[in-house]
Amino acid sequence: MDRRTCGAKRRQEALVKSTELIVPMVKRALNLSIPAKYLLMDSWFGFPALVRSVMEHINVICMVKNSSKVFYELEGQSLTLSKIYRMIRKRRGKAKIKGSMIVGIGEKQKAKLVFVCNCNSGSKWLALLCADLSLPDKDVARIYGKS
């Protein structure tokens, strides 16, 4: 098969880890003038290192996992999502958005964590990460909810 064809290029990409393909795919889409303000990602891809690399090209909104192995910087400390959730000032009542916090995701880059109510599951909250610090919390939840 001719290696210059699109099919051959996609077969070659199939041998590479999906997290390594995200940045080249984003660059390719932006070079084709596909209009996008944000890249929406699921929690499988919502790790600080990957978000940092994609943030260089486009703003990211993604769900992040509550893991004991993933840390965010807050007030000079490396904290897990659950510890950050305990520290935020929560909105009272049956608010869909519990609260938010600006955190560091390494290399002096910041992102916003928005904690939302998870009414459909046993978990009481979910966390969304947004690279656009100026975007209001309700818009982060609305945009992610459209995916």
N, C-alpha and C. Protein backbone atom coordinates (compact mmCIF):
# COMPACT_ATOMS: atom_id res chain seq x y z
N MET A 1 0.84 -1.18 0.00
CA MET A 1 0.00 0.00 0.00
C MET A 1 0.89 1.24 0.00
N ASP A 2 0.45 2.23 -0.73
CA ASP A 2 1.18 3.49 -0.82
C ASP A 2 1.11 4.21 0.53
N ARG A 3 2.25 4.53 1.11
CA ARG A 3 2.29 5.16 2.45
C ARG A 3 1.86 6.63 2.43
N ARG A 4 1.67 7.18 1.27
CA ARG A 4 1.25 8.59 1.17
C ARG A 4 -0.27 8.76 1.27
N THR A 5 -1.03 7.68 1.21
CA THR A 5 -2.48 7.78 1.24
C THR A 5 -2.98 8.07 2.64
N CYS A 6 -4.19 8.59 2.71
CA CYS A 6 -4.81 8.87 4.02
C CYS A 6 -5.00 7.59 4.82
N GLY A 7 -5.40 6.52 4.14
CA GLY A 7 -5.60 5.24 4.82
C GLY A 7 -4.33 4.74 5.47
N ALA A 8 -3.21 4.85 4.78
CA ALA A 8 -1.93 4.41 5.33
C ALA A 8 -1.54 5.27 6.53
N LYS A 9 -1.81 6.57 6.45
CA LYS A 9 -1.50 7.45 7.57
C LYS A 9 -2.34 7.12 8.79
N ARG A 10 -3.63 6.80 8.59
CA ARG A 10 -4.49 6.44 9.71
C ARG A 10 -4.06 5.10 10.32
N ARG A 11 -3.65 4.15 9.48
CA ARG A 11 -3.15 2.86 10.00
C ARG A 11 -1.90 3.07 10.85
N GLN A 12 -1.05 3.97 10.43
CA GLN A 12 0.16 4.28 11.19
C GLN A 12 -0.22 4.91 12.53
N GLU A 13 -1.22 5.79 12.53
CA GLU A 13 -1.68 6.42 13.77
C GLU A 13 -2.29 5.40 14.72
N ALA A 14 -2.87 4.33 14.19
CA ALA A 14 -3.50 3.31 15.03
C ALA A 14 -2.48 2.59 15.91
N LEU A 15 -1.22 2.69 15.57
CA LEU A 15 -0.17 2.03 16.35
C LEU A 15 0.36 2.90 17.48
N VAL A 16 -0.10 4.15 17.53
CA VAL A 16 0.38 5.11 18.52
C VAL A 16 -0.68 5.27 19.61
N LYS A 17 -0.25 5.55 20.84
CA LYS A 17 -1.19 5.77 21.94
C LYS A 17 -2.10 6.96 21.61
N SER A 18 -3.36 6.85 21.99
CA SER A 18 -4.34 7.89 21.65
C SER A 18 -3.99 9.23 22.28
N THR A 19 -3.40 9.23 23.46
CA THR A 19 -3.05 10.50 24.10
C THR A 19 -1.95 11.24 23.34
N GLU A 20 -1.12 10.50 22.62
CA GLU A 20 -0.06 11.14 21.84
C GLU A 20 -0.59 11.71 20.52
N LEU A 21 -1.78 11.29 20.12
CA LEU A 21 -2.36 11.74 18.86
C LEU A 21 -3.23 12.98 19.00
N ILE A 22 -3.60 13.33 20.22
CA ILE A 22 -4.55 14.42 20.41
C ILE A 22 -4.01 15.75 19.88
N VAL A 23 -2.79 16.10 20.25
CA VAL A 23 -2.23 17.38 19.81
C VAL A 23 -2.09 17.44 18.29
N PRO A 24 -1.53 16.42 17.62
CA PRO A 24 -1.49 16.49 16.15
C PRO A 24 -2.88 16.57 15.51
N MET A 25 -3.86 15.89 16.09
CA MET A 25 -5.21 15.94 15.54
C MET A 25 -5.81 17.34 15.70
N VAL A 26 -5.58 17.97 16.83
CA VAL A 26 -6.08 19.32 17.06
C VAL A 26 -5.42 20.29 16.08
N LYS A 27 -4.10 20.17 15.92
CA LYS A 27 -3.39 21.03 14.97
C LYS A 27 -3.94 20.85 13.56
N ARG A 28 -4.19 19.60 13.17
CA ARG A 28 -4.70 19.32 11.83
C ARG A 28 -6.08 19.94 11.63
N ALA A 29 -6.93 19.83 12.64
CA ALA A 29 -8.28 20.39 12.55
C ALA A 29 -8.23 21.92 12.47
N LEU A 30 -7.38 22.54 13.27
CA LEU A 30 -7.27 24.00 13.25
C LEU A 30 -6.66 24.50 11.95
N ASN A 31 -5.72 23.73 11.39
CA ASN A 31 -5.13 24.12 10.09
C ASN A 31 -6.14 24.02 8.95
N LEU A 32 -7.14 23.17 9.12
CA LEU A 32 -8.20 23.05 8.12
C LEU A 32 -9.30 24.09 8.32
N SER A 33 -9.06 25.02 9.23
CA SER A 33 -9.99 26.11 9.54
C SER A 33 -11.33 25.61 10.07
N ILE A 34 -11.31 24.53 10.81
CA ILE A 34 -12.52 24.05 11.48
C ILE A 34 -12.75 24.97 12.68
N PRO A 35 -13.88 25.68 12.72
CA PRO A 35 -14.10 26.64 13.81
C PRO A 35 -14.40 25.94 15.14
N ALA A 36 -13.62 26.26 16.15
CA ALA A 36 -13.84 25.68 17.47
C ALA A 36 -13.29 26.64 18.52
N LYS A 37 -14.04 26.80 19.59
CA LYS A 37 -13.57 27.61 20.71
C LYS A 37 -12.96 26.73 21.80
N TYR A 38 -13.50 25.52 21.92
CA TYR A 38 -13.07 24.62 22.99
C TYR A 38 -12.93 23.19 22.46
N LEU A 39 -12.05 22.45 23.10
CA LEU A 39 -11.95 21.02 22.87
C LEU A 39 -12.57 20.35 24.09
N LEU A 40 -13.62 19.57 23.88
CA LEU A 40 -14.27 18.86 24.97
C LEU A 40 -13.70 17.46 25.06
N MET A 41 -13.30 17.05 26.26
CA MET A 41 -12.73 15.73 26.45
C MET A 41 -13.38 15.04 27.64
N ASP A 42 -13.44 13.73 27.56
CA ASP A 42 -13.96 12.92 28.65
C ASP A 42 -12.86 12.74 29.70
N SER A 43 -13.23 12.15 30.82
CA SER A 43 -12.28 11.98 31.92
C SER A 43 -11.12 11.05 31.57
N TRP A 44 -11.26 10.24 30.54
CA TRP A 44 -10.15 9.37 30.13
C TRP A 44 -8.95 10.19 29.70
N PHE A 45 -9.20 11.40 29.20
CA PHE A 45 -8.13 12.24 28.69
C PHE A 45 -7.88 13.46 29.57
N GLY A 46 -8.58 13.59 30.66
CA GLY A 46 -8.51 14.79 31.49
C GLY A 46 -7.38 14.78 32.50
N PHE A 47 -6.16 14.61 32.04
CA PHE A 47 -5.00 14.62 32.93
C PHE A 47 -4.22 15.92 32.72
N PRO A 48 -3.69 16.50 33.79
CA PRO A 48 -3.03 17.80 33.68
C PRO A 48 -1.97 17.90 32.58
N ALA A 49 -1.14 16.88 32.40
CA ALA A 49 -0.08 16.95 31.38
C ALA A 49 -0.68 17.05 29.98
N LEU A 50 -1.71 16.28 29.71
CA LEU A 50 -2.33 16.31 28.40
C LEU A 50 -3.07 17.63 28.18
N VAL A 51 -3.76 18.09 29.20
CA VAL A 51 -4.48 19.37 29.10
C VAL A 51 -3.50 20.50 28.83
N ARG A 52 -2.34 20.50 29.51
CA ARG A 52 -1.32 21.53 29.28
C ARG A 52 -0.86 21.55 27.83
N SER A 53 -0.62 20.38 27.26
CA SER A 53 -0.12 20.33 25.88
C SER A 53 -1.18 20.79 24.88
N VAL A 54 -2.45 20.49 25.14
CA VAL A 54 -3.52 20.90 24.23
C VAL A 54 -3.83 22.39 24.40
N MET A 55 -3.67 22.91 25.61
CA MET A 55 -3.97 24.33 25.90
C MET A 55 -3.13 25.28 25.06
N GLU A 56 -2.00 24.83 24.55
CA GLU A 56 -1.16 25.68 23.72
C GLU A 56 -1.85 26.02 22.39
N HIS A 57 -2.86 25.21 22.02
CA HIS A 57 -3.51 25.38 20.72
C HIS A 57 -4.97 25.78 20.81
N ILE A 58 -5.67 25.31 21.85
CA ILE A 58 -7.10 25.57 21.98
C ILE A 58 -7.49 25.41 23.45
N ASN A 59 -8.51 26.14 23.88
CA ASN A 59 -9.00 25.98 25.26
C ASN A 59 -9.65 24.62 25.43
N VAL A 60 -9.53 24.08 26.62
CA VAL A 60 -10.02 22.73 26.92
C VAL A 60 -11.08 22.79 28.00
N ILE A 61 -12.12 21.98 27.83
CA ILE A 61 -13.08 21.71 28.89
C ILE A 61 -13.19 20.19 28.98
N CYS A 62 -12.96 19.65 30.16
CA CYS A 62 -13.02 18.20 30.29
C CYS A 62 -13.46 17.81 31.70
N MET A 63 -13.97 16.60 31.81
CA MET A 63 -14.27 16.04 33.11
C MET A 63 -12.97 15.43 33.62
N VAL A 64 -12.74 15.52 34.91
CA VAL A 64 -11.54 14.94 35.50
C VAL A 64 -11.92 13.92 36.55
N LYS A 65 -11.09 12.90 36.67
CA LYS A 65 -11.35 11.82 37.62
C LYS A 65 -10.89 12.20 39.02
N ASN A 66 -11.60 11.69 39.99
CA ASN A 66 -11.21 11.85 41.38
C ASN A 66 -10.26 10.69 41.70
N SER A 67 -8.98 10.94 41.50
CA SER A 67 -7.97 9.90 41.66
C SER A 67 -6.97 10.31 42.73
N SER A 68 -6.47 9.33 43.43
CA SER A 68 -5.45 9.61 44.45
C SER A 68 -4.07 9.80 43.83
N LYS A 69 -3.95 9.60 42.51
CA LYS A 69 -2.67 9.73 41.83
C LYS A 69 -2.53 11.01 41.01
N VAL A 70 -3.59 11.80 40.90
CA VAL A 70 -3.56 13.03 40.12
C VAL A 70 -3.68 14.21 41.08
N PHE A 71 -2.74 15.17 40.95
CA PHE A 71 -2.68 16.28 41.88
C PHE A 71 -2.78 17.61 41.15
N TYR A 72 -3.34 18.59 41.85
CA TYR A 72 -3.48 19.95 41.36
C TYR A 72 -2.84 20.86 42.40
N GLU A 73 -2.28 21.97 41.96
CA GLU A 73 -1.59 22.88 42.87
C GLU A 73 -2.56 23.94 43.38
N LEU A 74 -2.58 24.08 44.68
CA LEU A 74 -3.44 25.08 45.31
C LEU A 74 -2.73 25.61 46.54
N GLU A 75 -2.48 26.91 46.55
CA GLU A 75 -1.82 27.57 47.68
C GLU A 75 -0.51 26.89 48.06
N GLY A 76 0.28 26.52 47.06
CA GLY A 76 1.59 25.93 47.30
C GLY A 76 1.57 24.46 47.66
N GLN A 77 0.41 23.83 47.63
CA GLN A 77 0.31 22.41 47.97
C GLN A 77 -0.18 21.62 46.77
N SER A 78 0.20 20.36 46.71
CA SER A 78 -0.33 19.44 45.70
C SER A 78 -1.47 18.67 46.33
N LEU A 79 -2.68 18.86 45.79
CA LEU A 79 -3.87 18.27 46.40
C LEU A 79 -4.66 17.46 45.38
N THR A 80 -5.37 16.46 45.87
CA THR A 80 -6.27 15.68 45.03
C THR A 80 -7.59 16.42 44.88
N LEU A 81 -8.43 15.96 43.95
CA LEU A 81 -9.74 16.60 43.75
C LEU A 81 -10.59 16.57 45.01
N SER A 82 -10.61 15.44 45.69
CA SER A 82 -11.48 15.34 46.87
C SER A 82 -11.04 16.32 47.97
N LYS A 83 -9.73 16.54 48.12
CA LYS A 83 -9.27 17.51 49.12
C LYS A 83 -9.63 18.93 48.71
N ILE A 84 -9.53 19.22 47.42
CA ILE A 84 -9.91 20.55 46.93
C ILE A 84 -11.41 20.76 47.13
N TYR A 85 -12.20 19.72 46.85
CA TYR A 85 -13.66 19.83 47.02
C TYR A 85 -14.01 20.14 48.48
N ARG A 86 -13.29 19.53 49.41
CA ARG A 86 -13.56 19.80 50.82
C ARG A 86 -13.20 21.24 51.21
N MET A 87 -12.25 21.84 50.47
CA MET A 87 -11.79 23.20 50.80
C MET A 87 -12.68 24.30 50.22
N ILE A 88 -13.41 24.02 49.13
CA ILE A 88 -14.17 25.09 48.48
C ILE A 88 -15.38 25.49 49.31
N ARG A 89 -15.80 26.70 49.07
CA ARG A 89 -17.03 27.18 49.70
C ARG A 89 -18.19 26.74 48.81
N LYS A 90 -19.02 25.86 49.33
CA LYS A 90 -20.10 25.27 48.53
C LYS A 90 -21.35 26.12 48.55
N ARG A 91 -22.03 26.10 47.43
CA ARG A 91 -23.31 26.81 47.35
C ARG A 91 -24.36 25.98 48.08
N ARG A 92 -25.25 26.67 48.73
CA ARG A 92 -26.25 26.01 49.56
C ARG A 92 -27.42 25.47 48.75
N GLY A 93 -28.17 24.59 49.39
CA GLY A 93 -29.39 24.08 48.79
C GLY A 93 -29.13 23.07 47.70
N LYS A 94 -30.03 23.06 46.74
CA LYS A 94 -29.94 22.08 45.66
C LYS A 94 -29.28 22.67 44.41
N ALA A 95 -28.24 23.45 44.63
CA ALA A 95 -27.54 24.08 43.51
C ALA A 95 -26.89 23.02 42.63
N LYS A 96 -27.01 23.18 41.34
CA LYS A 96 -26.39 22.23 40.39
C LYS A 96 -24.88 22.42 40.35
N ILE A 97 -24.43 23.65 40.53
CA ILE A 97 -22.99 23.92 40.59
C ILE A 97 -22.62 24.15 42.04
N LYS A 98 -21.79 23.26 42.57
CA LYS A 98 -21.43 23.30 43.99
C LYS A 98 -20.41 24.40 44.30
N GLY A 99 -19.48 24.62 43.36
CA GLY A 99 -18.45 25.63 43.57
C GLY A 99 -17.34 25.48 42.55
N SER A 100 -16.36 26.38 42.65
CA SER A 100 -15.24 26.31 41.72
C SER A 100 -13.98 26.84 42.40
N MET A 101 -12.84 26.53 41.76
CA MET A 101 -11.55 26.94 42.30
C MET A 101 -10.55 27.02 41.16
N ILE A 102 -9.70 28.05 41.19
CA ILE A 102 -8.60 28.16 40.22
C ILE A 102 -7.42 27.38 40.80
N VAL A 103 -6.86 26.47 40.01
CA VAL A 103 -5.75 25.63 40.46
C VAL A 103 -4.62 25.65 39.43
N GLY A 104 -3.46 25.27 39.87
CA GLY A 104 -2.33 25.12 38.97
C GLY A 104 -2.30 23.70 38.43
N ILE A 105 -1.95 23.59 37.16
CA ILE A 105 -1.83 22.26 36.56
C ILE A 105 -0.41 22.01 36.08
N GLY A 106 0.53 22.68 36.70
CA GLY A 106 1.95 22.51 36.40
C GLY A 106 2.47 23.56 35.46
N GLU A 107 3.79 23.78 35.55
CA GLU A 107 4.49 24.72 34.68
C GLU A 107 3.83 26.10 34.64
N LYS A 108 3.41 26.58 35.77
CA LYS A 108 2.81 27.92 35.92
C LYS A 108 1.56 28.11 35.08
N GLN A 109 0.88 27.04 34.73
CA GLN A 109 -0.39 27.14 34.00
C GLN A 109 -1.53 26.92 34.98
N LYS A 110 -2.59 27.68 34.76
CA LYS A 110 -3.76 27.63 35.63
C LYS A 110 -4.96 27.10 34.88
N ALA A 111 -5.89 26.54 35.63
CA ALA A 111 -7.16 26.07 35.09
C ALA A 111 -8.20 26.22 36.18
N LYS A 112 -9.45 26.18 35.77
CA LYS A 112 -10.55 26.30 36.72
C LYS A 112 -11.19 24.93 36.90
N LEU A 113 -11.37 24.53 38.16
CA LEU A 113 -12.13 23.32 38.47
C LEU A 113 -13.53 23.75 38.87
N VAL A 114 -14.53 23.18 38.22
CA VAL A 114 -15.93 23.47 38.54
C VAL A 114 -16.55 22.18 39.05
N PHE A 115 -17.05 22.21 40.26
CA PHE A 115 -17.67 21.04 40.86
C PHE A 115 -19.18 21.13 40.67
N VAL A 116 -19.75 20.10 40.06
CA VAL A 116 -21.18 20.08 39.78
C VAL A 116 -21.83 18.90 40.48
N CYS A 117 -23.12 19.03 40.72
CA CYS A 117 -23.90 17.98 41.36
C CYS A 117 -24.05 16.80 40.41
N ASN A 118 -23.87 15.60 40.92
CA ASN A 118 -24.07 14.39 40.12
C ASN A 118 -25.31 13.69 40.67
N CYS A 119 -26.45 14.10 40.19
CA CYS A 119 -27.73 13.60 40.71
C CYS A 119 -28.05 12.20 40.20
N ASN A 120 -27.38 11.73 39.14
CA ASN A 120 -27.72 10.45 38.53
C ASN A 120 -26.92 9.29 39.08
N SER A 121 -25.99 9.54 39.97
CA SER A 121 -25.11 8.47 40.42
C SER A 121 -24.97 8.51 41.93
N GLY A 122 -24.26 7.52 42.46
CA GLY A 122 -24.01 7.47 43.89
C GLY A 122 -23.03 8.54 44.33
N SER A 123 -22.18 8.99 43.40
CA SER A 123 -21.23 10.05 43.70
C SER A 123 -21.98 11.36 43.86
N LYS A 124 -21.58 12.17 44.81
CA LYS A 124 -22.30 13.42 45.07
C LYS A 124 -21.87 14.55 44.16
N TRP A 125 -20.69 14.44 43.52
CA TRP A 125 -20.21 15.52 42.69
C TRP A 125 -19.32 14.99 41.57
N LEU A 126 -19.20 15.82 40.53
CA LEU A 126 -18.28 15.59 39.43
C LEU A 126 -17.45 16.86 39.28
N ALA A 127 -16.26 16.72 38.73
CA ALA A 127 -15.40 17.88 38.54
C ALA A 127 -15.13 18.09 37.05
N LEU A 128 -15.30 19.34 36.62
CA LEU A 128 -14.99 19.74 35.25
C LEU A 128 -13.80 20.67 35.31
N LEU A 129 -12.88 20.52 34.37
CA LEU A 129 -11.71 21.37 34.30
C LEU A 129 -11.84 22.25 33.06
N CYS A 130 -11.58 23.53 33.22
CA CYS A 130 -11.69 24.48 32.10
C CYS A 130 -10.42 25.32 32.04
N ALA A 131 -9.82 25.39 30.87
CA ALA A 131 -8.60 26.17 30.68
C ALA A 131 -8.89 27.66 30.53
N ASP A 132 -10.12 28.02 30.17
CA ASP A 132 -10.51 29.42 30.00
C ASP A 132 -10.99 29.95 31.35
N LEU A 133 -10.13 30.68 32.04
CA LEU A 133 -10.44 31.15 33.39
C LEU A 133 -11.55 32.19 33.41
N SER A 134 -11.78 32.85 32.29
CA SER A 134 -12.81 33.90 32.24
C SER A 134 -14.21 33.34 32.02
N LEU A 135 -14.33 32.09 31.67
CA LEU A 135 -15.63 31.49 31.40
C LEU A 135 -16.39 31.24 32.71
N PRO A 136 -17.61 31.74 32.84
CA PRO A 136 -18.38 31.53 34.07
C PRO A 136 -18.66 30.04 34.32
N ASP A 137 -18.81 29.69 35.59
CA ASP A 137 -19.04 28.29 35.98
C ASP A 137 -20.23 27.68 35.26
N LYS A 138 -21.33 28.43 35.18
CA LYS A 138 -22.54 27.88 34.55
C LYS A 138 -22.31 27.59 33.07
N ASP A 139 -21.47 28.40 32.40
CA ASP A 139 -21.18 28.16 30.99
C ASP A 139 -20.27 26.95 30.81
N VAL A 140 -19.36 26.72 31.74
CA VAL A 140 -18.51 25.53 31.69
C VAL A 140 -19.40 24.28 31.74
N ALA A 141 -20.34 24.24 32.69
CA ALA A 141 -21.23 23.09 32.82
C ALA A 141 -22.15 22.95 31.60
N ARG A 142 -22.64 24.07 31.08
CA ARG A 142 -23.52 24.03 29.92
C ARG A 142 -22.79 23.53 28.69
N ILE A 143 -21.59 24.03 28.44
CA ILE A 143 -20.83 23.61 27.26
C ILE A 143 -20.45 22.13 27.37
N TYR A 144 -19.99 21.70 28.54
CA TYR A 144 -19.62 20.29 28.69
C TYR A 144 -20.86 19.40 28.53
N GLY A 145 -22.00 19.88 29.02
CA GLY A 145 -23.23 19.10 28.95
C GLY A 145 -23.74 18.90 27.54
N LYS A 146 -23.32 19.73 26.59
CA LYS A 146 -23.74 19.58 25.21
C LYS A 146 -23.05 18.42 24.52
N SER A 147 -21.91 17.97 25.06
CA SER A 147 -21.16 16.91 24.38
C SER A 147 -21.83 15.56 24.50
